[in-house]
């Protein structure tokens, strides 16, 4: 049987929060019974936009992802609050609005924090995948319909067919797969993995620094090459993704006619920027040292 699945592409999201606003616009002040009561205007969100920043100025990666109810096939909330949860054949999981009324314990029924308490109506609530719209003929919920860059996508297909997409396109979930989530993420490594970045330059003469574009850069571990990349027009390079706490690495590059660079590092919990590498010189930090408050520009 066909079921609903949501896919989010981290690479496409710019953090405009339109999805979250569309959710509020659809549900605040609107009673979509028997699906759900109206959403609370402030404080309560059925879709929460999370963000992660990696790197060091000027090489910074900022990624966003929405967190919402995963409409799990093996929904823990249904097991923890029997009789209060409706699991539909199309994969959508709803809270019975009558049994959610006055039932604050339902908030703790979801171990992933997807159920919240609405003080205005005195009920536990969560994302419904806009089931009232899908049942009315819509092909996607309001959050998906409103996304200007189509970072969100709704898929209606057989579970077996969708499982092929999960493996073939590298989808990942942010809740345990044993729960059977129906919300999946593409390029989730920007939240779960680290990166190694830096810049390569060379000396044109004693006083002139020049960036080194189109240079092959190698990442080695235990003497073996584990990744390769090429410097950009500005001489910058990135290795992404790199597993956190994965040990010692060496960054190496050969600049034709200018010499080579090598930098040893240890990958811990955080992303590493190796700074500016130049043949014959020690690496220097790449972050901007100028502070506009303590050292303002003067004419």
Protein backbone atom coordinates (compact mmCIF):
# COMPACT_ATOMS: atom_id res chain seq x y z
CA UNK A 1 0.00 0.00 0.00
CA UNK A 2 1.17 3.53 -0.76
CA UNK A 3 2.13 5.74 2.16
CA UNK A 4 3.29 9.32 2.70
CA UNK A 5 6.96 10.13 3.21
CA UNK A 6 8.72 13.48 3.58
CA UNK A 7 12.23 14.17 2.28
CA UNK A 8 14.34 17.20 3.20
CA UNK A 9 17.49 18.24 1.30
CA UNK A 10 19.88 20.04 3.66
CA UNK A 11 21.87 21.41 0.70
CA UNK A 12 18.86 23.31 -0.65
CA UNK A 13 17.76 25.00 2.58
CA UNK A 14 18.86 28.58 3.28
CA UNK A 15 17.06 28.92 6.62
CA UNK A 16 14.28 31.25 5.46
CA UNK A 17 11.84 29.66 7.98
CA UNK A 18 9.01 29.83 5.43
CA UNK A 19 8.06 26.23 6.23
CA UNK A 20 7.62 27.05 9.91
CA UNK A 21 5.61 30.19 9.14
CA UNK A 22 3.39 28.29 6.70
CA UNK A 23 2.66 25.73 9.42
CA UNK A 24 1.63 28.50 11.80
CA UNK A 25 -0.46 30.17 9.10
CA UNK A 26 -2.33 26.95 8.39
CA UNK A 27 -3.03 25.91 11.97
CA UNK A 28 -3.09 28.98 14.24
CA UNK A 29 -6.73 29.99 14.73
CA UNK A 30 -8.01 27.07 12.61
CA UNK A 31 -9.72 24.02 14.07
CA UNK A 32 -9.16 21.16 11.66
CA UNK A 33 -11.29 18.64 13.55
CA UNK A 34 -11.33 15.67 13.73
CA UNK A 35 -7.62 15.90 12.79
CA UNK A 36 -6.45 18.43 15.37
CA UNK A 37 -7.48 21.50 17.31
CA UNK A 38 -6.05 24.94 16.53
CA UNK A 39 -2.35 25.50 17.16
CA UNK A 40 -1.13 27.91 19.82
CA UNK A 41 -0.08 31.26 18.33
CA UNK A 42 3.16 31.69 20.26
CA UNK A 43 5.78 29.42 21.86
CA UNK A 44 4.40 26.21 20.38
CA UNK A 45 5.90 24.91 17.10
CA UNK A 46 5.08 21.65 15.35
CA UNK A 47 8.09 22.18 13.07
CA UNK A 48 11.32 23.43 14.64
CA UNK A 49 14.18 24.65 12.43
CA UNK A 50 17.55 23.51 13.74
CA UNK A 51 20.93 24.79 12.56
CA UNK A 52 24.60 23.84 12.78
CA UNK A 53 27.65 25.97 12.05
CA UNK A 54 30.93 24.35 11.04
CA UNK A 55 34.32 25.84 10.26
CA UNK A 56 36.24 29.03 10.90
CA UNK A 57 35.88 32.40 9.19
CA UNK A 58 36.15 32.78 6.25
CA UNK A 59 35.35 29.10 5.55
CA UNK A 60 32.07 28.57 7.40
CA UNK A 61 29.30 26.11 6.58
CA UNK A 62 25.86 26.88 8.01
CA UNK A 63 23.24 24.18 7.60
CA UNK A 64 19.56 23.97 8.53
CA UNK A 65 17.10 21.14 8.99
CA UNK A 66 13.49 20.97 10.24
CA UNK A 67 12.62 18.68 13.14
CA UNK A 68 9.03 17.47 13.34
CA UNK A 69 6.95 14.39 14.03
CA UNK A 70 8.37 11.46 12.03
CA UNK A 71 5.01 9.67 11.73
CA UNK A 72 6.82 6.48 12.71
CA UNK A 73 5.58 3.11 11.51
CA UNK A 74 6.45 1.74 14.96
CA UNK A 75 5.42 4.92 16.75
CA UNK A 76 6.65 4.94 20.38
CA UNK A 77 3.82 7.35 21.28
CA UNK A 78 1.27 4.72 20.24
CA UNK A 79 2.94 2.20 22.53
CA UNK A 80 3.36 4.63 25.41
CA UNK A 81 -0.17 6.05 25.17
CA UNK A 82 -2.42 3.28 23.84
CA UNK A 83 -5.79 4.45 22.58
CA UNK A 84 -4.69 8.08 22.15
CA UNK A 85 -2.86 7.70 18.85
CA UNK A 86 -4.38 7.04 15.42
CA UNK A 87 -2.12 5.24 12.92
CA UNK A 88 -3.60 5.57 9.44
CA UNK A 89 -3.08 3.15 6.58
CA UNK A 90 -1.43 5.89 4.51
CA UNK A 91 1.34 6.23 7.12
CA UNK A 92 0.11 9.38 8.84
CA UNK A 93 0.09 9.28 12.65
CA UNK A 94 -2.39 11.53 14.49
CA UNK A 95 -3.30 12.25 18.08
CA UNK A 96 -6.98 11.81 18.83
CA UNK A 97 -7.91 15.46 19.66
CA UNK A 98 -10.55 14.35 22.17
CA UNK A 99 -8.17 12.10 24.10
CA UNK A 100 -5.35 14.63 23.80
CA UNK A 101 -7.50 17.20 25.61
CA UNK A 102 -6.25 17.63 29.17
CA UNK A 103 -3.78 14.77 28.64
CA UNK A 104 -0.44 16.45 29.38
CA UNK A 105 1.21 13.02 29.83
CA UNK A 106 1.00 12.62 26.05
CA UNK A 107 3.85 15.13 25.67
CA UNK A 108 6.22 12.58 27.21
CA UNK A 109 4.87 9.72 25.09
CA UNK A 110 7.20 10.72 22.25
CA UNK A 111 10.88 10.14 23.15
CA UNK A 112 11.92 12.44 20.28
CA UNK A 113 10.17 15.55 21.60
CA UNK A 114 7.71 15.87 18.71
CA UNK A 115 4.62 16.34 20.91
CA UNK A 116 4.05 19.71 22.58
CA UNK A 117 1.49 21.17 24.95
CA UNK A 118 -1.00 23.81 23.80
CA UNK A 119 -1.88 26.03 26.77
CA UNK A 120 -4.62 27.81 24.83
CA UNK A 121 -6.76 24.73 24.26
CA UNK A 122 -5.26 22.52 26.98
CA UNK A 123 -4.25 19.68 24.71
CA UNK A 124 -1.22 17.75 23.49
CA UNK A 125 -0.51 18.34 19.79
CA UNK A 126 1.94 17.59 17.00
CA UNK A 127 2.46 17.76 13.23
CA UNK A 128 -0.34 16.11 11.25
CA UNK A 129 1.36 16.20 7.82
CA UNK A 130 -1.63 18.50 7.10
CA UNK A 131 -3.80 15.39 6.74
CA UNK A 132 -6.88 17.59 6.29
CA UNK A 133 -5.32 18.99 3.10
CA UNK A 134 -4.06 15.65 1.79
CA UNK A 135 -7.51 14.13 2.33
CA UNK A 136 -8.94 17.09 0.43
CA UNK A 137 -6.83 16.41 -2.64
CA UNK A 138 -3.61 18.31 -1.92
CA UNK A 139 -0.36 16.58 -2.92
CA UNK A 140 1.72 18.08 -0.10
CA UNK A 141 1.39 19.76 3.31
CA UNK A 142 1.61 23.54 3.68
CA UNK A 143 5.26 23.49 4.80
CA UNK A 144 6.27 21.65 1.62
CA UNK A 145 4.03 23.76 -0.62
CA UNK A 146 5.51 26.97 0.78
CA UNK A 147 9.22 26.06 0.50
CA UNK A 148 10.63 28.44 -2.16
CA UNK A 149 13.68 26.30 -2.96
CA UNK A 150 11.88 22.93 -2.79
CA UNK A 151 14.14 21.70 -0.01
CA UNK A 152 11.09 19.84 1.28
CA UNK A 153 9.40 17.17 -0.82
CA UNK A 154 6.44 14.89 -0.18
CA UNK A 155 6.42 11.39 -1.66
CA UNK A 156 3.45 9.03 -1.87
CA UNK A 157 4.63 5.52 -2.75
CA UNK A 158 4.91 1.92 -1.64
CA UNK A 159 7.21 1.32 1.33
CA UNK A 160 9.34 -1.16 -0.64
CA UNK A 161 9.80 1.33 -3.45
CA UNK A 162 10.72 4.12 -1.05
CA UNK A 163 13.24 1.89 0.74
CA UNK A 164 15.10 1.62 -2.58
CA UNK A 165 15.29 5.41 -2.67
CA UNK A 166 16.63 5.48 0.90
CA UNK A 167 19.62 3.34 -0.04
CA UNK A 168 20.03 4.64 -3.58
CA UNK A 169 19.95 8.35 -2.73
CA UNK A 170 21.61 8.23 0.65
CA UNK A 171 18.66 9.34 2.76
CA UNK A 172 19.16 9.35 6.54
CA UNK A 173 16.83 9.75 9.50
CA UNK A 174 17.41 11.67 12.73
CA UNK A 175 15.48 9.17 14.85
CA UNK A 176 16.32 5.46 15.17
CA UNK A 177 15.40 3.56 12.01
CA UNK A 178 13.85 0.86 14.20
CA UNK A 179 10.99 3.32 14.83
CA UNK A 180 10.19 3.32 11.10
CA UNK A 181 10.42 7.09 10.48
CA UNK A 182 8.69 8.64 7.46
CA UNK A 183 10.76 11.84 7.51
CA UNK A 184 14.13 11.49 5.79
CA UNK A 185 17.06 13.80 5.09
CA UNK A 186 19.49 14.17 2.20
CA UNK A 187 23.03 15.52 2.79
CA UNK A 188 22.57 15.11 6.53
CA UNK A 189 26.36 14.84 6.91
CA UNK A 190 26.43 18.62 7.30
CA UNK A 191 24.84 17.99 10.72
CA UNK A 192 26.44 14.71 11.70
CA UNK A 193 29.97 14.86 10.26
CA UNK A 194 32.91 17.29 10.31
CA UNK A 195 35.01 18.84 7.57
CA UNK A 196 38.64 19.82 7.00
CA UNK A 197 39.27 23.08 5.20
CA UNK A 198 42.10 25.46 4.41
CA UNK A 199 43.78 27.66 1.84
CA UNK A 200 46.93 27.23 -0.25
CA UNK A 201 49.09 30.12 -1.44
CA UNK A 202 52.65 30.62 -2.73
CA UNK A 203 55.12 33.51 -2.86
CA UNK A 204 55.41 35.14 -6.28
CA UNK A 205 58.37 37.08 -4.93
CA UNK A 206 59.59 38.09 -1.50
CA UNK A 207 56.63 40.37 -0.84
CA UNK A 208 53.81 39.04 -3.05
CA UNK A 209 51.44 36.27 -1.93
CA UNK A 210 49.40 34.52 -4.65
CA UNK A 211 46.54 32.06 -4.18
CA UNK A 212 46.99 28.63 -5.75
CA UNK A 213 43.90 27.55 -7.75
CA UNK A 214 43.27 24.14 -9.34
CA UNK A 215 45.80 22.35 -7.14
CA UNK A 216 45.25 18.70 -6.21
CA UNK A 217 45.01 18.31 -2.43
CA UNK A 218 45.21 14.91 -0.76
CA UNK A 219 44.00 13.78 2.65
CA UNK A 220 46.02 10.89 4.05
CA UNK A 221 45.54 8.64 7.04
CA UNK A 222 48.13 6.06 8.08
CA UNK A 223 50.02 6.87 4.88
CA UNK A 224 47.11 6.06 2.57
CA UNK A 225 45.11 8.58 0.54
CA UNK A 226 41.53 8.62 1.84
CA UNK A 227 40.24 11.66 -0.06
CA UNK A 228 41.20 14.05 -2.86
CA UNK A 229 39.95 17.50 -3.76
CA UNK A 230 41.01 20.52 -5.86
CA UNK A 231 41.52 24.09 -4.68
CA UNK A 232 39.02 26.72 -5.80
CA UNK A 233 39.72 29.94 -7.68
CA UNK A 234 40.68 31.43 -4.33
CA UNK A 235 43.01 28.58 -3.39
CA UNK A 236 40.59 27.15 -0.82
CA UNK A 237 39.86 23.46 -0.29
CA UNK A 238 37.39 21.34 1.69
CA UNK A 239 37.23 17.69 2.64
CA UNK A 240 33.62 16.92 3.59
CA UNK A 241 32.45 14.72 5.20
CA UNK A 242 35.05 13.57 7.72
CA UNK A 243 34.07 11.36 10.64
CA UNK A 244 34.32 13.07 14.05
CA UNK A 245 36.95 11.67 16.45
CA UNK A 246 38.51 9.71 13.59
CA UNK A 247 42.15 10.29 14.50
CA UNK A 248 45.23 11.65 12.78
CA UNK A 249 45.39 12.94 9.20
CA UNK A 250 47.88 14.70 6.93
CA UNK A 251 46.93 17.25 4.26
CA UNK A 252 49.37 17.31 1.34
CA UNK A 253 49.58 19.23 -1.92
CA UNK A 254 52.16 19.91 -4.63
CA UNK A 255 52.11 23.30 -6.36
CA UNK A 256 53.74 22.88 -9.79
CA UNK A 257 56.98 24.80 -9.88
CA UNK A 258 56.41 26.29 -6.43
CA UNK A 259 56.97 23.48 -3.95
CA UNK A 260 54.77 21.40 -1.64
CA UNK A 261 52.81 21.83 1.56
CA UNK A 262 52.01 19.34 4.32
CA UNK A 263 49.96 19.72 7.47
CA UNK A 264 49.29 17.15 10.22
CA UNK A 265 46.10 17.33 12.27
CA UNK A 266 43.92 15.34 14.62
CA UNK A 267 40.19 15.15 13.97
CA UNK A 268 38.29 15.39 17.23
CA UNK A 269 34.72 16.40 17.92
CA UNK A 270 34.84 19.64 15.90
CA UNK A 271 35.61 20.68 12.35
CA UNK A 272 39.25 21.64 11.61
CA UNK A 273 40.49 24.53 9.47
CA UNK A 274 44.23 24.15 8.81
CA UNK A 275 44.65 27.83 7.97
CA UNK A 276 46.82 29.17 5.18
CA UNK A 277 49.47 26.81 3.82
CA UNK A 278 52.45 28.14 1.89
CA UNK A 279 55.54 26.21 0.66
CA UNK A 280 58.52 26.85 2.88
CA UNK A 281 56.48 28.54 5.62
CA UNK A 282 54.58 27.48 8.71
CA UNK A 283 50.78 27.42 8.50
CA UNK A 284 49.07 30.54 9.78
CA UNK A 285 45.50 30.80 11.14
CA UNK A 286 42.97 31.86 8.51
CA UNK A 287 40.52 33.63 10.81
CA UNK A 288 40.34 37.41 10.70
CA UNK A 289 42.27 38.96 13.59
CA UNK A 290 40.83 42.44 13.07
CA UNK A 291 38.22 43.44 15.66
CA UNK A 292 36.14 46.44 14.50
CA UNK A 293 35.29 47.36 18.10
CA UNK A 294 38.72 47.30 19.72
CA UNK A 295 40.58 48.35 16.55
CA UNK A 296 38.24 50.56 14.48
CA UNK A 297 39.30 51.71 11.04
CA UNK A 298 40.57 55.30 10.91
CA UNK A 299 40.87 57.65 8.01
